[in-house]
Amino acid sequence: MTILEMKQAVLDYSKQSYEEKLFAGTSGNLSMRDPETGLVAITPGSIAYPTMTVDDVMVITLDGEIIEGHNKPSSEWRMHTEIYKNRDDVHAVVHTHSPYATGFAVTHDNIPVILIEMMFFLLGDVPVAEYRIPGSAELGTEALKVLHNRTACLLANHGVLTIGPNLDRAHIRAVYTEDAAKICTQAKIIGNVHVMSKEEQNKMRRQMGVPEE
């Protein structure tokens, strides 16, 4: 994939995420890493998504050196690159402030397994990572601690982080995280929330060929 193709993918998924209300204002950010060169295409900081162009997307190294672009990379670039440095299987990171899921991040509550889709897309519940200062590499470090056998987590008092082998997978996982949080919130209003049992979760893990818990 060329640098231009990477930048275009970042732009397209950023605008889609904004239209889906996973992002608001200039909040949220996403990136993808080229597995061959290690270069990272990432959203710029403080540019409104409706006006963002492919030229605004930044390309950096894992150490934050700017390779291409006339803006500053997202203030969360250290979180993104910390994940890439420690997970060879991850080539895309999506960080949203989607409202329902972020509500769980504010209460420091995991999003429980209430939907079968959560098993297929998220591999289980959505855990909460410890709070760390936004913009720090430590934020990525804490996320990594709870992303073992998971593809999404909550950042305490902050938002959502999802990972994937590409932007398509990381993005759809952000969509399902918000969907699960919204449904769980509505269910709590209606009555008792019935979480899928560990036995049922492990049956699905066996079907998917992933480790049981």
Protein backbone atom coordinates (compact mmCIF):
# COMPACT_ATOMS: atom_id res chain seq x y z
CA MET A 1 0.00 0.00 0.00
CA THR A 2 1.35 3.43 -0.92
CA ILE A 3 1.52 6.34 1.50
CA LEU A 4 -1.25 8.09 -0.45
CA GLU A 5 -3.47 5.01 -0.16
CA MET A 6 -2.84 4.87 3.57
CA LYS A 7 -3.72 8.54 3.98
CA GLN A 8 -6.87 8.11 1.93
CA ALA A 9 -7.97 5.15 4.07
CA VAL A 10 -7.42 7.16 7.26
CA LEU A 11 -9.41 10.06 5.80
CA ASP A 12 -12.28 7.85 4.62
CA TYR A 13 -12.68 6.03 7.93
CA SER A 14 -12.35 9.29 9.87
CA LYS A 15 -15.20 10.89 7.93
CA GLN A 16 -17.30 7.74 8.23
CA SER A 17 -16.70 7.62 11.99
CA TYR A 18 -17.72 11.28 12.27
CA GLU A 19 -20.93 10.65 10.32
CA GLU A 20 -21.68 7.66 12.57
CA LYS A 21 -21.23 9.93 15.61
CA LEU A 22 -18.32 7.91 16.93
CA PHE A 23 -16.38 11.19 16.74
CA ALA A 24 -17.64 14.65 17.73
CA GLY A 25 -16.09 18.01 16.94
CA THR A 26 -12.39 17.31 16.52
CA SER A 27 -12.32 14.55 19.15
CA GLY A 28 -11.31 10.99 18.37
CA ASN A 29 -8.48 9.77 16.19
CA LEU A 30 -7.44 6.77 14.18
CA SER A 31 -4.35 5.40 12.50
CA MET A 32 -2.99 2.57 10.42
CA ARG A 33 0.49 1.11 10.18
CA ASP A 34 2.17 -0.20 7.05
CA PRO A 35 3.45 -3.66 8.07
CA GLU A 36 6.31 -3.40 5.58
CA THR A 37 7.74 0.05 6.32
CA GLY A 38 6.39 0.54 9.84
CA LEU A 39 5.18 4.02 8.90
CA VAL A 40 1.97 5.23 10.51
CA ALA A 41 -0.73 7.32 8.85
CA ILE A 42 -2.71 9.15 11.53
CA THR A 43 -5.34 11.84 11.80
CA PRO A 44 -4.07 15.38 12.39
CA GLY A 45 -4.80 17.26 15.58
CA SER A 46 -7.58 19.86 15.90
CA ILE A 47 -8.94 19.76 12.35
CA ALA A 48 -12.70 19.39 11.84
CA TYR A 49 -13.59 16.16 10.07
CA PRO A 50 -16.01 17.69 7.53
CA THR A 51 -13.22 19.91 6.17
CA MET A 52 -10.36 17.42 6.50
CA THR A 53 -8.58 16.48 3.27
CA VAL A 54 -6.10 13.77 2.38
CA ASP A 55 -3.31 16.36 2.55
CA ASP A 56 -4.16 16.96 6.21
CA VAL A 57 -3.47 13.34 7.21
CA MET A 58 -0.05 12.90 8.78
CA VAL A 59 2.54 10.18 8.28
CA ILE A 60 4.96 9.51 11.13
CA THR A 61 7.44 6.94 12.37
CA LEU A 62 6.87 4.92 15.54
CA ASP A 63 9.02 7.50 17.33
CA GLY A 64 6.87 10.41 16.16
CA GLU A 65 9.13 11.77 13.43
CA ILE A 66 7.02 13.50 10.79
CA ILE A 67 7.57 11.93 7.37
CA GLU A 68 4.78 13.69 5.49
CA GLY A 69 2.20 16.36 6.29
CA HIS A 70 2.04 20.03 7.22
CA ASN A 71 0.02 19.66 10.44
CA LYS A 72 0.71 18.16 13.83
CA PRO A 73 -0.26 14.51 14.28
CA SER A 74 -3.06 13.71 16.71
CA SER A 75 -2.15 14.49 20.30
CA GLU A 76 -2.72 10.78 20.99
CA TRP A 77 0.01 9.58 18.60
CA ARG A 78 2.06 8.21 21.51
CA MET A 79 -0.83 5.97 22.56
CA HIS A 80 -1.17 4.65 19.01
CA THR A 81 2.54 3.98 18.53
CA GLU A 82 2.88 2.36 21.96
CA ILE A 83 0.34 -0.23 20.86
CA TYR A 84 2.09 -0.81 17.53
CA LYS A 85 5.44 -1.23 19.24
CA ASN A 86 4.07 -3.98 21.45
CA ARG A 87 1.60 -5.77 19.18
CA ASP A 88 2.94 -7.08 15.89
CA ASP A 89 -0.54 -8.31 14.96
CA VAL A 90 -2.13 -4.84 15.21
CA HIS A 91 -1.99 -2.54 12.20
CA ALA A 92 -4.89 -0.20 12.96
CA VAL A 93 -6.08 1.69 16.02
CA VAL A 94 -9.36 3.58 16.43
CA HIS A 95 -9.98 5.86 19.41
CA THR A 96 -13.49 7.25 19.80
CA HIS A 97 -15.44 9.30 22.29
CA SER A 98 -18.74 7.63 21.35
CA PRO A 99 -21.25 8.69 24.02
CA TYR A 100 -22.78 5.45 25.30
CA ALA A 101 -19.50 3.55 25.54
CA THR A 102 -17.77 6.57 27.06
CA GLY A 103 -20.52 6.60 29.68
CA PHE A 104 -19.24 3.20 30.82
CA ALA A 105 -15.70 4.58 30.78
CA VAL A 106 -16.82 7.36 33.12
CA THR A 107 -18.44 4.94 35.57
CA HIS A 108 -15.45 2.55 35.23
CA ASP A 109 -17.79 -0.33 34.37
CA ASN A 110 -16.98 -3.05 31.85
CA ILE A 111 -19.53 -3.46 29.06
CA PRO A 112 -20.74 -7.01 29.78
CA VAL A 113 -21.37 -9.69 27.17
CA ILE A 114 -25.04 -9.13 26.39
CA LEU A 115 -24.96 -9.80 22.63
CA ILE A 116 -23.57 -12.69 20.61
CA GLU A 117 -22.01 -10.14 18.24
CA MET A 118 -19.72 -9.08 21.07
CA MET A 119 -18.10 -12.50 20.99
CA PHE A 120 -17.50 -12.44 17.24
CA PHE A 121 -16.23 -8.88 17.03
CA LEU A 122 -14.86 -8.09 20.51
CA LEU A 123 -14.05 -11.60 21.83
CA GLY A 124 -15.92 -10.91 25.06
CA ASP A 125 -16.72 -8.02 27.36
CA VAL A 126 -15.15 -4.58 27.00
CA PRO A 127 -12.82 -3.97 29.97
CA VAL A 128 -11.72 -0.64 31.42
CA ALA A 129 -8.08 0.46 31.28
CA GLU A 130 -6.67 2.50 34.16
CA TYR A 131 -6.72 6.28 33.76
CA ARG A 132 -3.61 7.92 32.42
CA ILE A 133 -2.97 11.44 31.12
CA PRO A 134 -4.27 11.91 27.56
CA GLY A 135 -1.48 12.18 25.01
CA SER A 136 0.87 9.93 26.97
CA ALA A 137 2.46 6.63 25.97
CA GLU A 138 1.29 5.32 29.36
CA LEU A 139 -2.29 5.51 28.06
CA GLY A 140 -1.34 2.92 25.45
CA THR A 141 0.48 0.84 28.05
CA GLU A 142 -2.63 0.62 30.23
CA ALA A 143 -4.79 -0.25 27.23
CA LEU A 144 -2.44 -3.09 26.30
CA LYS A 145 -2.85 -4.60 29.77
CA VAL A 146 -6.58 -5.19 29.24
CA LEU A 147 -6.48 -5.95 25.50
CA HIS A 148 -5.24 -9.48 26.11
CA ASN A 149 -7.76 -11.71 24.25
CA ARG A 150 -9.87 -8.63 23.51
CA THR A 151 -10.15 -6.25 20.57
CA ALA A 152 -11.69 -3.28 22.39
CA CYS A 153 -11.33 -1.52 25.71
CA LEU A 154 -12.53 1.56 27.53
CA LEU A 155 -10.12 4.29 28.62
CA ALA A 156 -11.20 5.41 32.08
CA ASN A 157 -12.85 8.87 32.01
CA HIS A 158 -11.82 9.23 28.40
CA GLY A 159 -13.29 7.05 25.66
CA VAL A 160 -12.93 3.87 23.63
CA LEU A 161 -10.00 2.15 21.92
CA THR A 162 -10.25 -0.65 19.38
CA ILE A 163 -7.56 -2.51 17.47
CA GLY A 164 -7.38 -4.67 14.38
CA PRO A 165 -5.25 -6.05 11.57
CA ASN A 166 -6.64 -3.27 9.36
CA LEU A 167 -8.85 -0.20 9.61
CA ASP A 168 -11.94 -2.06 8.47
CA ARG A 169 -11.76 -4.44 11.45
CA ALA A 170 -10.74 -1.82 14.00
CA HIS A 171 -13.54 0.47 12.85
CA ILE A 172 -16.32 -2.15 12.94
CA ARG A 173 -15.20 -3.08 16.44
CA ALA A 174 -15.68 0.53 17.51
CA VAL A 175 -19.16 0.43 15.98
CA TYR A 176 -20.09 -2.74 17.90
CA THR A 177 -18.64 -1.39 21.14
CA GLU A 178 -20.91 1.64 20.94
CA ASP A 179 -23.88 -0.50 19.89
CA ALA A 180 -23.42 -2.84 22.86
CA ALA A 181 -23.07 0.07 25.27
CA LYS A 182 -26.25 1.69 23.94
CA ILE A 183 -28.27 -1.52 24.15
CA CYS A 184 -26.95 -2.26 27.65
CA THR A 185 -27.88 1.24 28.81
CA GLN A 186 -31.39 0.88 27.39
CA ALA A 187 -31.77 -2.59 28.92
CA LYS A 188 -30.86 -1.24 32.35
CA ILE A 189 -33.69 1.28 32.03
CA ILE A 190 -36.19 -1.40 30.98
CA GLY A 191 -35.28 -4.02 33.58
CA ASN A 192 -32.63 -6.56 34.57
CA VAL A 193 -29.69 -7.12 32.26
CA HIS A 194 -29.02 -10.81 31.58
CA VAL A 195 -25.37 -11.37 30.74
CA MET A 196 -24.32 -14.38 28.65
CA SER A 197 -22.93 -17.09 30.92
CA LYS A 198 -19.25 -18.00 30.88
CA GLU A 199 -20.27 -21.43 29.61
CA GLU A 200 -22.06 -19.93 26.59
CA GLN A 201 -19.18 -17.53 25.98
CA ASN A 202 -16.68 -20.39 25.99
CA LYS A 203 -18.84 -22.44 23.62
CA MET A 204 -18.57 -19.60 21.15
CA ARG A 205 -14.83 -19.26 21.76
CA ARG A 206 -14.42 -22.92 20.89
CA GLN A 207 -16.38 -22.39 17.69
CA MET A 208 -14.18 -19.42 16.81
CA GLY A 209 -10.96 -21.23 17.70
CA VAL A 210 -9.84 -18.75 20.34
CA PRO A 211 -8.69 -19.46 23.92
CA GLU A 212 -11.40 -20.19 26.47
CA GLU A 213 -11.63 -18.22 29.71
